[in-house]
Amino acid sequence: MKKIFPVIIFSLLINYSSGQDLTTLMRLNDFSISLGSTDRASVDTSLMKARIGKMNIKISEQLVYLLRAAEYYSTKDYENSSSYIQKVRINFKYPEYDNLKFLLFIGNYSNLKDLNNAAKYFYIVNKYEFIDPQNMKTMRSEIRNNFKKDDFDDALSYYFYYHQRLKIVDEIEFAE
């Protein structure tokens, strides 16, 4: 039963999160499985101590927040997802986690109709240009589905010069 539960959770995440960084989720899932990989408590405890002893506790805490945010996002609970993703402080050290972090930021803010924060994080994503193309496609889709073109253009105006802003808004391809 102990090994089936993570598989069920992971399959639910895959079903609900086709646009997310699945590689990152798989790594987090593998880590969670490895902490309880045997049926003997003493061995599991030793494995856990050895594995966590090699990890930076602060980073592992951030990854737990990231996974929780992804779980809530996959069930369309954007309020709780947003509260967890705001706790993640990875800051560009781990590109694969930043990919997922910014996807969750923009997806949550878009679905919560928070125009200003969605534009702010979309500006950050475009400024650093490190987001996986599949995640960028998902971000554009979330923005397009939740905002009007003129409103999003106005929100971006705080961050971009006119010609840069028009190019970015055109890439989102709002339906008119």
N, C-alpha and C. Protein backbone atom coordinates (compact mmCIF):
# COMPACT_ATOMS: atom_id res chain seq x y z
N MET A 1 0.83 -1.20 0.00
CA MET A 1 0.00 0.00 0.00
C MET A 1 0.87 1.26 0.00
N LYS A 2 2.02 1.17 0.72
CA LYS A 2 2.88 2.33 0.86
C LYS A 2 3.45 2.76 -0.49
N LYS A 3 3.73 1.78 -1.37
CA LYS A 3 4.30 2.10 -2.68
C LYS A 3 3.22 2.48 -3.69
N ILE A 4 2.00 2.08 -3.47
CA ILE A 4 0.92 2.39 -4.40
C ILE A 4 0.47 3.83 -4.26
N PHE A 5 0.45 4.37 -3.04
CA PHE A 5 -0.03 5.73 -2.82
C PHE A 5 0.73 6.78 -3.64
N PRO A 6 2.09 6.78 -3.64
CA PRO A 6 2.80 7.77 -4.47
C PRO A 6 2.50 7.61 -5.96
N VAL A 7 2.31 6.36 -6.41
CA VAL A 7 2.00 6.13 -7.82
C VAL A 7 0.63 6.73 -8.16
N ILE A 8 -0.33 6.56 -7.27
CA ILE A 8 -1.67 7.13 -7.50
C ILE A 8 -1.59 8.65 -7.55
N ILE A 9 -0.89 9.24 -6.58
CA ILE A 9 -0.73 10.71 -6.56
C ILE A 9 -0.07 11.19 -7.84
N PHE A 10 1.01 10.51 -8.24
CA PHE A 10 1.75 10.93 -9.43
C PHE A 10 0.88 10.80 -10.68
N SER A 11 0.09 9.72 -10.78
CA SER A 11 -0.76 9.56 -11.96
C SER A 11 -1.84 10.64 -12.00
N LEU A 12 -2.34 11.05 -10.83
CA LEU A 12 -3.31 12.15 -10.80
C LEU A 12 -2.65 13.45 -11.26
N LEU A 13 -1.42 13.69 -10.82
CA LEU A 13 -0.70 14.89 -11.25
C LEU A 13 -0.49 14.90 -12.75
N ILE A 14 -0.13 13.75 -13.32
CA ILE A 14 0.07 13.69 -14.77
C ILE A 14 -1.24 13.97 -15.49
N ASN A 15 -2.33 13.39 -15.02
CA ASN A 15 -3.62 13.59 -15.68
C ASN A 15 -4.06 15.04 -15.65
N TYR A 16 -3.78 15.76 -14.57
CA TYR A 16 -4.25 17.12 -14.43
C TYR A 16 -3.24 18.17 -14.88
N SER A 17 -1.99 17.78 -15.13
CA SER A 17 -0.96 18.79 -15.32
C SER A 17 -0.12 18.55 -16.57
N SER A 18 -0.76 18.34 -17.69
CA SER A 18 -0.01 18.01 -18.89
C SER A 18 0.95 19.10 -19.31
N GLY A 19 0.69 20.36 -18.96
CA GLY A 19 1.57 21.44 -19.36
C GLY A 19 2.66 21.74 -18.35
N GLN A 20 2.67 21.06 -17.21
CA GLN A 20 3.68 21.35 -16.19
C GLN A 20 4.98 20.66 -16.52
N ASP A 21 6.00 21.00 -15.81
CA ASP A 21 7.31 20.40 -15.98
C ASP A 21 7.28 19.02 -15.33
N LEU A 22 6.92 18.00 -16.12
CA LEU A 22 6.73 16.66 -15.57
C LEU A 22 8.03 16.04 -15.09
N THR A 23 9.14 16.44 -15.68
CA THR A 23 10.43 15.93 -15.22
C THR A 23 10.67 16.31 -13.77
N THR A 24 10.35 17.55 -13.44
CA THR A 24 10.51 18.01 -12.06
C THR A 24 9.60 17.23 -11.13
N LEU A 25 8.37 17.04 -11.52
CA LEU A 25 7.44 16.28 -10.68
C LEU A 25 7.91 14.85 -10.50
N MET A 26 8.48 14.26 -11.55
CA MET A 26 8.97 12.89 -11.44
C MET A 26 10.14 12.81 -10.46
N ARG A 27 11.02 13.80 -10.47
CA ARG A 27 12.14 13.81 -9.53
C ARG A 27 11.64 13.91 -8.09
N LEU A 28 10.65 14.79 -7.88
CA LEU A 28 10.10 14.93 -6.54
C LEU A 28 9.41 13.65 -6.10
N ASN A 29 8.72 13.01 -7.03
CA ASN A 29 8.04 11.76 -6.72
C ASN A 29 9.05 10.66 -6.39
N ASP A 30 10.13 10.56 -7.17
CA ASP A 30 11.17 9.55 -6.91
C ASP A 30 11.79 9.75 -5.53
N PHE A 31 12.00 11.01 -5.17
CA PHE A 31 12.56 11.30 -3.86
C PHE A 31 11.60 10.83 -2.76
N SER A 32 10.31 11.12 -2.91
CA SER A 32 9.35 10.73 -1.87
C SER A 32 9.26 9.21 -1.75
N ILE A 33 9.34 8.49 -2.88
CA ILE A 33 9.29 7.03 -2.84
C ILE A 33 10.52 6.47 -2.14
N SER A 34 11.70 7.08 -2.42
CA SER A 34 12.94 6.55 -1.86
C SER A 34 13.00 6.66 -0.34
N LEU A 35 12.23 7.56 0.24
CA LEU A 35 12.26 7.72 1.69
C LEU A 35 11.57 6.56 2.41
N GLY A 36 10.72 5.84 1.73
CA GLY A 36 10.04 4.71 2.36
C GLY A 36 10.06 3.50 1.46
N SER A 37 11.23 3.15 0.94
CA SER A 37 11.29 2.15 -0.12
C SER A 37 11.35 0.70 0.37
N THR A 38 11.52 0.48 1.65
CA THR A 38 11.49 -0.90 2.15
C THR A 38 10.33 -1.04 3.13
N ASP A 39 10.11 -2.29 3.55
CA ASP A 39 9.01 -2.53 4.49
C ASP A 39 9.50 -2.60 5.94
N ARG A 40 10.80 -2.40 6.15
CA ARG A 40 11.34 -2.47 7.50
C ARG A 40 11.64 -1.07 8.00
N ALA A 41 11.04 -0.73 9.13
CA ALA A 41 11.13 0.65 9.66
C ALA A 41 12.57 1.07 9.93
N SER A 42 13.38 0.18 10.45
CA SER A 42 14.76 0.55 10.78
C SER A 42 15.55 0.89 9.51
N VAL A 43 15.33 0.12 8.45
CA VAL A 43 16.03 0.39 7.19
C VAL A 43 15.52 1.68 6.56
N ASP A 44 14.20 1.87 6.57
CA ASP A 44 13.62 3.12 6.03
C ASP A 44 14.16 4.34 6.77
N THR A 45 14.26 4.22 8.09
CA THR A 45 14.77 5.33 8.88
C THR A 45 16.23 5.64 8.52
N SER A 46 17.03 4.59 8.36
CA SER A 46 18.43 4.78 7.97
C SER A 46 18.54 5.42 6.60
N LEU A 47 17.74 4.92 5.66
CA LEU A 47 17.75 5.49 4.31
C LEU A 47 17.36 6.96 4.34
N MET A 48 16.34 7.27 5.13
CA MET A 48 15.87 8.65 5.21
C MET A 48 16.95 9.55 5.79
N LYS A 49 17.58 9.09 6.86
CA LYS A 49 18.63 9.91 7.48
C LYS A 49 19.80 10.12 6.52
N ALA A 50 20.19 9.06 5.80
CA ALA A 50 21.30 9.18 4.86
C ALA A 50 20.95 10.13 3.72
N ARG A 51 19.74 10.01 3.21
CA ARG A 51 19.33 10.84 2.07
C ARG A 51 19.18 12.31 2.48
N ILE A 52 18.52 12.54 3.60
CA ILE A 52 18.30 13.91 4.04
C ILE A 52 19.61 14.53 4.52
N GLY A 53 20.50 13.71 5.08
CA GLY A 53 21.79 14.22 5.51
C GLY A 53 22.60 14.82 4.37
N LYS A 54 22.38 14.31 3.15
CA LYS A 54 23.08 14.82 1.98
C LYS A 54 22.38 16.02 1.35
N MET A 55 21.14 16.24 1.74
CA MET A 55 20.36 17.32 1.14
C MET A 55 20.42 18.57 2.00
N ASN A 56 20.31 19.67 1.36
CA ASN A 56 20.16 20.94 2.04
C ASN A 56 18.70 21.00 2.53
N ILE A 57 18.50 21.07 3.82
CA ILE A 57 17.14 21.03 4.39
C ILE A 57 16.29 22.18 3.85
N LYS A 58 16.88 23.35 3.69
CA LYS A 58 16.11 24.49 3.17
C LYS A 58 15.60 24.21 1.77
N ILE A 59 16.44 23.62 0.92
CA ILE A 59 16.03 23.31 -0.45
C ILE A 59 14.94 22.23 -0.44
N SER A 60 15.11 21.21 0.39
CA SER A 60 14.08 20.16 0.42
C SER A 60 12.74 20.72 0.89
N GLU A 61 12.77 21.66 1.81
CA GLU A 61 11.53 22.32 2.26
C GLU A 61 10.88 23.09 1.11
N GLN A 62 11.71 23.77 0.33
CA GLN A 62 11.19 24.52 -0.83
C GLN A 62 10.56 23.57 -1.85
N LEU A 63 11.18 22.41 -2.05
CA LEU A 63 10.64 21.46 -3.01
C LEU A 63 9.31 20.88 -2.54
N VAL A 64 9.16 20.71 -1.24
CA VAL A 64 7.87 20.25 -0.71
C VAL A 64 6.79 21.31 -0.98
N TYR A 65 7.11 22.57 -0.75
CA TYR A 65 6.16 23.65 -1.06
C TYR A 65 5.81 23.63 -2.55
N LEU A 66 6.81 23.43 -3.39
CA LEU A 66 6.59 23.41 -4.83
C LEU A 66 5.66 22.26 -5.23
N LEU A 67 5.89 21.10 -4.66
CA LEU A 67 5.04 19.95 -4.95
C LEU A 67 3.62 20.18 -4.46
N ARG A 68 3.47 20.73 -3.27
CA ARG A 68 2.12 21.01 -2.76
C ARG A 68 1.40 22.02 -3.66
N ALA A 69 2.12 23.04 -4.10
CA ALA A 69 1.52 24.02 -5.00
C ALA A 69 1.06 23.36 -6.31
N ALA A 70 1.89 22.45 -6.83
CA ALA A 70 1.53 21.75 -8.07
C ALA A 70 0.32 20.85 -7.85
N GLU A 71 0.24 20.20 -6.69
CA GLU A 71 -0.92 19.34 -6.40
C GLU A 71 -2.21 20.16 -6.37
N TYR A 72 -2.18 21.29 -5.65
CA TYR A 72 -3.38 22.12 -5.58
C TYR A 72 -3.74 22.71 -6.94
N TYR A 73 -2.73 23.09 -7.70
CA TYR A 73 -2.97 23.64 -9.04
C TYR A 73 -3.65 22.60 -9.94
N SER A 74 -3.19 21.35 -9.83
CA SER A 74 -3.74 20.30 -10.67
C SER A 74 -5.21 20.01 -10.35
N THR A 75 -5.63 20.33 -9.12
CA THR A 75 -7.04 20.13 -8.77
C THR A 75 -7.84 21.44 -8.89
N LYS A 76 -7.22 22.44 -9.48
CA LYS A 76 -7.85 23.75 -9.72
C LYS A 76 -8.19 24.50 -8.44
N ASP A 77 -7.45 24.21 -7.39
CA ASP A 77 -7.58 24.94 -6.12
C ASP A 77 -6.49 26.03 -6.13
N TYR A 78 -6.77 27.10 -6.86
CA TYR A 78 -5.75 28.12 -7.12
C TYR A 78 -5.40 28.94 -5.88
N GLU A 79 -6.33 29.08 -4.96
CA GLU A 79 -6.05 29.82 -3.72
C GLU A 79 -4.95 29.13 -2.91
N ASN A 80 -5.15 27.83 -2.65
CA ASN A 80 -4.15 27.09 -1.87
C ASN A 80 -2.85 26.94 -2.63
N SER A 81 -2.94 26.71 -3.93
CA SER A 81 -1.72 26.61 -4.74
C SER A 81 -0.92 27.90 -4.66
N SER A 82 -1.61 29.00 -4.73
CA SER A 82 -0.95 30.31 -4.67
C SER A 82 -0.27 30.52 -3.32
N SER A 83 -0.92 30.10 -2.24
CA SER A 83 -0.30 30.29 -0.92
C SER A 83 0.97 29.47 -0.78
N TYR A 84 0.99 28.26 -1.34
CA TYR A 84 2.21 27.44 -1.26
C TYR A 84 3.30 27.96 -2.19
N ILE A 85 2.95 28.37 -3.40
CA ILE A 85 3.98 28.80 -4.34
C ILE A 85 4.64 30.09 -3.88
N GLN A 86 3.93 30.91 -3.11
CA GLN A 86 4.54 32.13 -2.58
C GLN A 86 5.60 31.84 -1.53
N LYS A 87 5.59 30.63 -0.96
CA LYS A 87 6.59 30.26 0.03
C LYS A 87 7.89 29.75 -0.62
N VAL A 88 7.83 29.46 -1.93
CA VAL A 88 9.00 28.89 -2.61
C VAL A 88 10.01 30.00 -2.91
N ARG A 89 11.21 29.85 -2.38
CA ARG A 89 12.28 30.84 -2.54
C ARG A 89 13.51 30.18 -3.15
N ILE A 90 13.43 29.79 -4.42
CA ILE A 90 14.53 29.10 -5.06
C ILE A 90 15.46 30.08 -5.78
N ASN A 91 14.93 31.13 -6.37
CA ASN A 91 15.71 32.24 -6.93
C ASN A 91 16.75 31.88 -7.98
N PHE A 92 16.34 31.28 -9.05
CA PHE A 92 17.14 31.08 -10.27
C PHE A 92 18.35 30.17 -10.11
N LYS A 93 18.47 29.44 -9.00
CA LYS A 93 19.59 28.52 -8.84
C LYS A 93 19.31 27.17 -9.51
N TYR A 94 18.04 26.82 -9.62
CA TYR A 94 17.64 25.53 -10.15
C TYR A 94 16.65 25.74 -11.28
N PRO A 95 17.13 25.80 -12.52
CA PRO A 95 16.24 26.14 -13.64
C PRO A 95 15.02 25.25 -13.79
N GLU A 96 15.17 23.93 -13.53
CA GLU A 96 14.02 23.04 -13.72
C GLU A 96 12.92 23.34 -12.70
N TYR A 97 13.30 23.77 -11.49
CA TYR A 97 12.30 24.11 -10.49
C TYR A 97 11.73 25.50 -10.75
N ASP A 98 12.57 26.41 -11.23
CA ASP A 98 12.07 27.74 -11.59
C ASP A 98 11.03 27.65 -12.70
N ASN A 99 11.25 26.74 -13.64
CA ASN A 99 10.28 26.52 -14.71
C ASN A 99 8.89 26.25 -14.15
N LEU A 100 8.83 25.31 -13.23
CA LEU A 100 7.55 24.94 -12.63
C LEU A 100 7.02 26.06 -11.74
N LYS A 101 7.92 26.69 -11.00
CA LYS A 101 7.51 27.76 -10.08
C LYS A 101 6.81 28.89 -10.84
N PHE A 102 7.40 29.34 -11.93
CA PHE A 102 6.79 30.46 -12.66
C PHE A 102 5.53 30.04 -13.42
N LEU A 103 5.49 28.81 -13.87
CA LEU A 103 4.25 28.32 -14.48
C LEU A 103 3.12 28.38 -13.45
N LEU A 104 3.40 27.95 -12.23
CA LEU A 104 2.38 27.97 -11.18
C LEU A 104 2.01 29.40 -10.78
N PHE A 105 3.01 30.29 -10.69
CA PHE A 105 2.71 31.69 -10.39
C PHE A 105 1.73 32.26 -11.41
N ILE A 106 2.08 32.15 -12.67
CA ILE A 106 1.26 32.77 -13.73
C ILE A 106 -0.08 32.06 -13.86
N GLY A 107 -0.08 30.73 -13.78
CA GLY A 107 -1.34 30.00 -13.87
C GLY A 107 -2.29 30.35 -12.74
N ASN A 108 -1.77 30.41 -11.52
CA ASN A 108 -2.61 30.76 -10.37
C ASN A 108 -3.15 32.17 -10.48
N TYR A 109 -2.27 33.13 -10.74
CA TYR A 109 -2.71 34.52 -10.82
C TYR A 109 -3.69 34.73 -11.97
N SER A 110 -3.48 34.05 -13.08
CA SER A 110 -4.41 34.17 -14.20
C SER A 110 -5.79 33.65 -13.82
N ASN A 111 -5.81 32.47 -13.22
CA ASN A 111 -7.10 31.88 -12.86
C ASN A 111 -7.79 32.59 -11.71
N LEU A 112 -7.02 33.29 -10.89
CA LEU A 112 -7.60 34.10 -9.81
C LEU A 112 -7.97 35.50 -10.31
N LYS A 113 -7.74 35.73 -11.61
CA LYS A 113 -8.05 37.02 -12.27
C LYS A 113 -7.24 38.17 -11.67
N ASP A 114 -6.04 37.87 -11.19
CA ASP A 114 -5.15 38.89 -10.65
C ASP A 114 -4.26 39.38 -11.79
N LEU A 115 -4.76 40.35 -12.51
CA LEU A 115 -4.12 40.84 -13.73
C LEU A 115 -2.72 41.39 -13.48
N ASN A 116 -2.57 42.19 -12.45
CA ASN A 116 -1.28 42.84 -12.21
C ASN A 116 -0.17 41.84 -11.87
N ASN A 117 -0.46 40.88 -11.01
CA ASN A 117 0.56 39.89 -10.68
C ASN A 117 0.85 38.94 -11.84
N ALA A 118 -0.18 38.58 -12.61
CA ALA A 118 0.05 37.74 -13.79
C ALA A 118 0.99 38.45 -14.76
N ALA A 119 0.77 39.76 -14.97
CA ALA A 119 1.63 40.54 -15.87
C ALA A 119 3.04 40.67 -15.29
N LYS A 120 3.14 40.88 -14.00
CA LYS A 120 4.45 41.03 -13.34
C LYS A 120 5.30 39.78 -13.54
N TYR A 121 4.73 38.61 -13.27
CA TYR A 121 5.51 37.38 -13.39
C TYR A 121 5.74 37.00 -14.85
N PHE A 122 4.83 37.38 -15.72
CA PHE A 122 5.06 37.15 -17.14
C PHE A 122 6.22 38.02 -17.64
N TYR A 123 6.32 39.22 -17.10
CA TYR A 123 7.46 40.09 -17.41
C TYR A 123 8.77 39.44 -16.94
N ILE A 124 8.79 38.89 -15.74
CA ILE A 124 10.00 38.25 -15.22
C ILE A 124 10.40 37.07 -16.10
N VAL A 125 9.42 36.27 -16.49
CA VAL A 125 9.67 35.11 -17.35
C VAL A 125 10.29 35.56 -18.68
N ASN A 126 9.74 36.60 -19.28
CA ASN A 126 10.26 37.09 -20.55
C ASN A 126 11.62 37.76 -20.40
N LYS A 127 11.84 38.39 -19.26
CA LYS A 127 13.11 39.07 -19.03
C LYS A 127 14.26 38.07 -18.95
N TYR A 128 14.07 36.97 -18.24
CA TYR A 128 15.15 36.01 -18.05
C TYR A 128 15.20 34.92 -19.11
N GLU A 129 14.12 34.75 -19.86
CA GLU A 129 14.05 33.83 -21.01
C GLU A 129 14.60 32.43 -20.70
N PHE A 130 14.19 31.85 -19.60
CA PHE A 130 14.69 30.52 -19.27
C PHE A 130 13.57 29.49 -19.18
N ILE A 131 12.36 29.88 -19.52
CA ILE A 131 11.23 28.97 -19.34
C ILE A 131 11.15 27.95 -20.48
N ASP A 132 10.86 26.72 -20.11
CA ASP A 132 10.67 25.64 -21.07
C ASP A 132 9.57 26.03 -22.07
N PRO A 133 9.76 25.78 -23.38
CA PRO A 133 8.76 26.19 -24.38
C PRO A 133 7.36 25.64 -24.11
N GLN A 134 7.26 24.42 -23.63
CA GLN A 134 5.95 23.84 -23.34
C GLN A 134 5.27 24.61 -22.20
N ASN A 135 6.04 24.98 -21.19
CA ASN A 135 5.47 25.77 -20.10
C ASN A 135 5.08 27.16 -20.58
N MET A 136 5.87 27.75 -21.47
CA MET A 136 5.52 29.06 -22.01
C MET A 136 4.20 28.99 -22.78
N LYS A 137 4.01 27.93 -23.52
CA LYS A 137 2.75 27.74 -24.25
C LYS A 137 1.57 27.66 -23.27
N THR A 138 1.77 26.95 -22.17
CA THR A 138 0.71 26.83 -21.15
C THR A 138 0.44 28.18 -20.50
N MET A 139 1.48 28.94 -20.19
CA MET A 139 1.31 30.27 -19.59
C MET A 139 0.50 31.18 -20.51
N ARG A 140 0.87 31.18 -21.79
CA ARG A 140 0.14 32.03 -22.75
C ARG A 140 -1.33 31.62 -22.82
N SER A 141 -1.58 30.33 -22.77
CA SER A 141 -2.95 29.84 -22.82
C SER A 141 -3.75 30.30 -21.60
N GLU A 142 -3.14 30.21 -20.41
CA GLU A 142 -3.82 30.65 -19.19
C GLU A 142 -4.14 32.14 -19.25
N ILE A 143 -3.20 32.92 -19.74
CA ILE A 143 -3.43 34.37 -19.85
C ILE A 143 -4.53 34.65 -20.86
N ARG A 144 -4.45 34.03 -22.02
CA ARG A 144 -5.43 34.24 -23.09
C ARG A 144 -6.83 33.87 -22.62
N ASN A 145 -6.95 32.80 -21.84
CA ASN A 145 -8.27 32.34 -21.41
C ASN A 145 -8.87 33.17 -20.28
N ASN A 146 -8.06 33.97 -19.61
CA ASN A 146 -8.56 34.67 -18.43
C ASN A 146 -8.59 36.19 -18.53
N PHE A 147 -7.91 36.76 -19.53
CA PHE A 147 -7.86 38.22 -19.64
C PHE A 147 -8.18 38.68 -21.06
N LYS A 148 -8.57 39.93 -21.16
CA LYS A 148 -8.75 40.56 -22.46
C LYS A 148 -7.43 41.15 -22.91
N LYS A 149 -7.24 41.24 -24.21
CA LYS A 149 -5.97 41.71 -24.76
C LYS A 149 -5.62 43.11 -24.28
N ASP A 150 -6.55 44.02 -24.33
CA ASP A 150 -6.26 45.41 -23.94
C ASP A 150 -5.90 45.52 -22.46
N ASP A 151 -6.60 44.77 -21.63
CA ASP A 151 -6.32 44.80 -20.19
C ASP A 151 -4.92 44.27 -19.90
N PHE A 152 -4.55 43.18 -20.55
CA PHE A 152 -3.24 42.60 -20.31
C PHE A 152 -2.14 43.52 -20.87
N ASP A 153 -2.42 44.14 -22.01
CA ASP A 153 -1.48 45.10 -22.60
C ASP A 153 -1.25 46.27 -21.64
N ASP A 154 -2.31 46.77 -21.04
CA ASP A 154 -2.17 47.86 -20.07
C ASP A 154 -1.36 47.43 -18.85
N ALA A 155 -1.59 46.22 -18.37
CA ALA A 155 -0.85 45.73 -17.20
C ALA A 155 0.64 45.57 -17.52
N LEU A 156 0.95 45.14 -18.74
CA LEU A 156 2.35 44.99 -19.14
C LEU A 156 3.04 46.34 -19.34
N SER A 157 2.27 47.39 -19.55
CA SER A 157 2.87 48.70 -19.86
C SER A 157 3.74 49.22 -18.72
N TYR A 158 3.53 48.74 -17.51
CA TYR A 158 4.38 49.16 -16.39
C TYR A 158 5.79 48.59 -16.51
N TYR A 159 5.93 47.52 -17.25
CA TYR A 159 7.19 46.80 -17.28
C TYR A 159 7.95 46.91 -18.60
N PHE A 160 7.23 47.07 -19.71
CA PHE A 160 7.86 47.03 -21.02
C PHE A 160 7.70 48.33 -21.79
N TYR A 161 8.68 48.61 -22.66
CA TYR A 161 8.51 49.69 -23.62
C TYR A 161 7.45 49.25 -24.63
N TYR A 162 6.91 50.22 -25.33
CA TYR A 162 5.78 50.00 -26.23
C TYR A 162 6.03 48.87 -27.24
N HIS A 163 7.14 48.92 -27.98
CA HIS A 163 7.36 47.94 -29.04
C HIS A 163 7.59 46.54 -28.49
N GLN A 164 8.25 46.43 -27.32
CA GLN A 164 8.43 45.12 -26.69
C GLN A 164 7.10 44.54 -26.24
N ARG A 165 6.27 45.39 -25.69
CA ARG A 165 4.97 44.96 -25.17
C ARG A 165 4.08 44.44 -26.29
N LEU A 166 4.04 45.14 -27.40
CA LEU A 166 3.20 44.71 -28.52
C LEU A 166 3.64 43.35 -29.06
N LYS A 167 4.94 43.14 -29.14
CA LYS A 167 5.46 41.85 -29.62
C LYS A 167 5.02 40.73 -28.68
N ILE A 168 5.14 40.95 -27.39
CA ILE A 168 4.77 39.93 -26.41
C ILE A 168 3.27 39.65 -26.43
N VAL A 169 2.47 40.70 -26.51
CA VAL A 169 1.02 40.51 -26.55
C VAL A 169 0.61 39.79 -27.83
N ASP A 170 1.26 40.10 -28.94
CA ASP A 170 0.95 39.39 -30.19
C ASP A 170 1.29 37.91 -30.11
N GLU A 171 2.35 37.56 -29.37
CA GLU A 171 2.71 36.16 -29.22
C GLU A 171 1.67 35.36 -28.43
N ILE A 172 0.93 36.04 -27.57
CA ILE A 172 -0.09 35.36 -26.77
C ILE A 172 -1.30 34.99 -27.65
N GLU A 173 -1.53 35.74 -28.72
CA GLU A 173 -2.61 35.46 -29.68
C GLU A 173 -3.98 35.40 -29.04
N PHE A 174 -4.42 36.52 -28.55
CA PHE A 174 -5.76 36.59 -27.97
C PHE A 174 -6.80 36.42 -29.07
N ALA A 175 -7.86 35.71 -28.75
CA ALA A 175 -8.98 35.56 -29.70
C ALA A 175 -9.83 36.81 -29.64
N GLU A 176 -10.14 37.35 -30.76
CA GLU A 176 -10.94 38.58 -30.78
C GLU A 176 -12.24 38.37 -31.50
